[in-house]
Amino acid sequence: MISRLTVRGFRGIREGVINGFSQFTVIIGKNGSGKSSILEAIYLASACSRVYDQLRNVYKVDYVVRRRGDRGDWKKARSVLWFNRDTSKPIKINLSAGGVDADIEIKSSDNRGKAVKLVSVNGKRPGRKTSKEAEKRVKETLGGVVFVDPTLLSKPRIIEKAAWEAVSTRRLDKRIVDMLRNDLAPEAEGLTYIPLGDEPVLAVQTPETTIRVDDLGDGVKAAVLLALLILGVRPSILLLEEPETHMHPAGLSTLLDFLYSLMREEGFQVIASTHSIDLVHIASSLARDYDINLSLIYLGRSSDGLLDARPFTLDDVEALRELGVDLRLAHAF
C-alpha cells in the first residue's frame, strides 16, 4: 500500500508532496490541478517492477506518453512527460510502498525498457544484501498496480481476455450478477458468451433475452468490466480515473458498495480521481459502513507547478455538507 508520494519534474508538476494515502484515497480538484498526473506518476513508478503493461499489451512509458491524445510514443514524444519539457534531468518519484521508502527515476533514454529505474530503497542502492528484502516488498507492491481509465473501459475485449477465464473458473461471475441485480440491471440472471462473427462476446442473460455487454448502457457496461477486471486480475493497487463517468448516482453507489466489499476481502488499495461530489459522499458513507480507511485529498497546483495537497477527514466532509458547501470548491475558501 502507498502511504506517501513525492513527484518532481513530471508533466505540469514541478514539485509536489501528498501525505495520508489510505486504503481508499479520493483525489479531487479543478481541471488541470494534477489529479490524472498523480495516477500516471504511480503507474509509471510501477514500471520499475514491470516495464510492460500486459493488460494493454504496451510499454507503460509508451502508454502514458500517448494516452491523452494518441500522438507519438516514448521514442518520438517522451519530452511531453517532463516539466517544461526539460529532459536534461530525470523525473523523480519518491514513495512509501509496502513499508519501504523507494526512490524511482525516469530518464530520457532511447531504451524504453530501462527508462524507469528503482535507484534506492530505504536510502540504500538496490541489489545489496541489506536492501534485497525491502526491494522485493516494494516491487511486489508496485508490480500489482492496475490503471483503469475511461479508454480501457471502452475496450471490453481487452478486459475480457485478461480476466474472464480466471473469473469463470472460480464462478466469480455470480458476484458480478449479484451486483447488477442490486440496481444496475435487476433482471440479470447470468453472464455468458455468445457468437458474433468470428469471435464470442461477453453478454448478460435476462429472463427474456441475452444482451451483449457492448449494448448495455455505458454505466452498466463500465461496472461489469471494472468488476470483471478486479476479480480476474486481483490488483494490489487499483488506480481509477473518474469512475463516475456515465454513472447515475444509484448505480455509482452499487458499484462502490461492490468495490468496498472486495477491498475488505482482498486488502487492495484504491486511489481514485474524480469530479463527482456524489462519489465523495457515497464513498464517505460506505467507508464508515465497511470500516475502511478513506482519505480525501483536495489537489491544487500553482502557475509555477507547485502542488498543494489538502487532506479532508470524513468529519470535515460531513460538516461542509451540512453547511451546504461543495468540497470541489475548496480552492475558494
Foldseek 3Di string as FASTA:
>chain_A
DWAKKWKDFFQLANIEIDGGAFQEEEEFEDPPLCQVVVLLVLLCLLLQQPQADPLVRGGSQQCVQQVVPNPDGLQPGSLNGGHVSDQPAWIWMWIQALNKIWIWTAHSDNPSSPRIHTQDINRHGPPDPVCPVRVVRRNVQSPQEDEDEPVSLLDLVSLCVQFVVQCVVVVVQVVLQVLCCVPVPVQFDGWDWDDDPPDTAIWTDGPVGIGGLNPGQSLSSSLSSVVRNCSGSVGQEYEEEANCVSHDLVSLLSSVLSVLVVCLVRVHGYYYYHHDLSNVVSNLVVCVVSVGDYWYWYWGADPNNYIDIDIDHSVRSVVCVVVVHRVNVVVVD
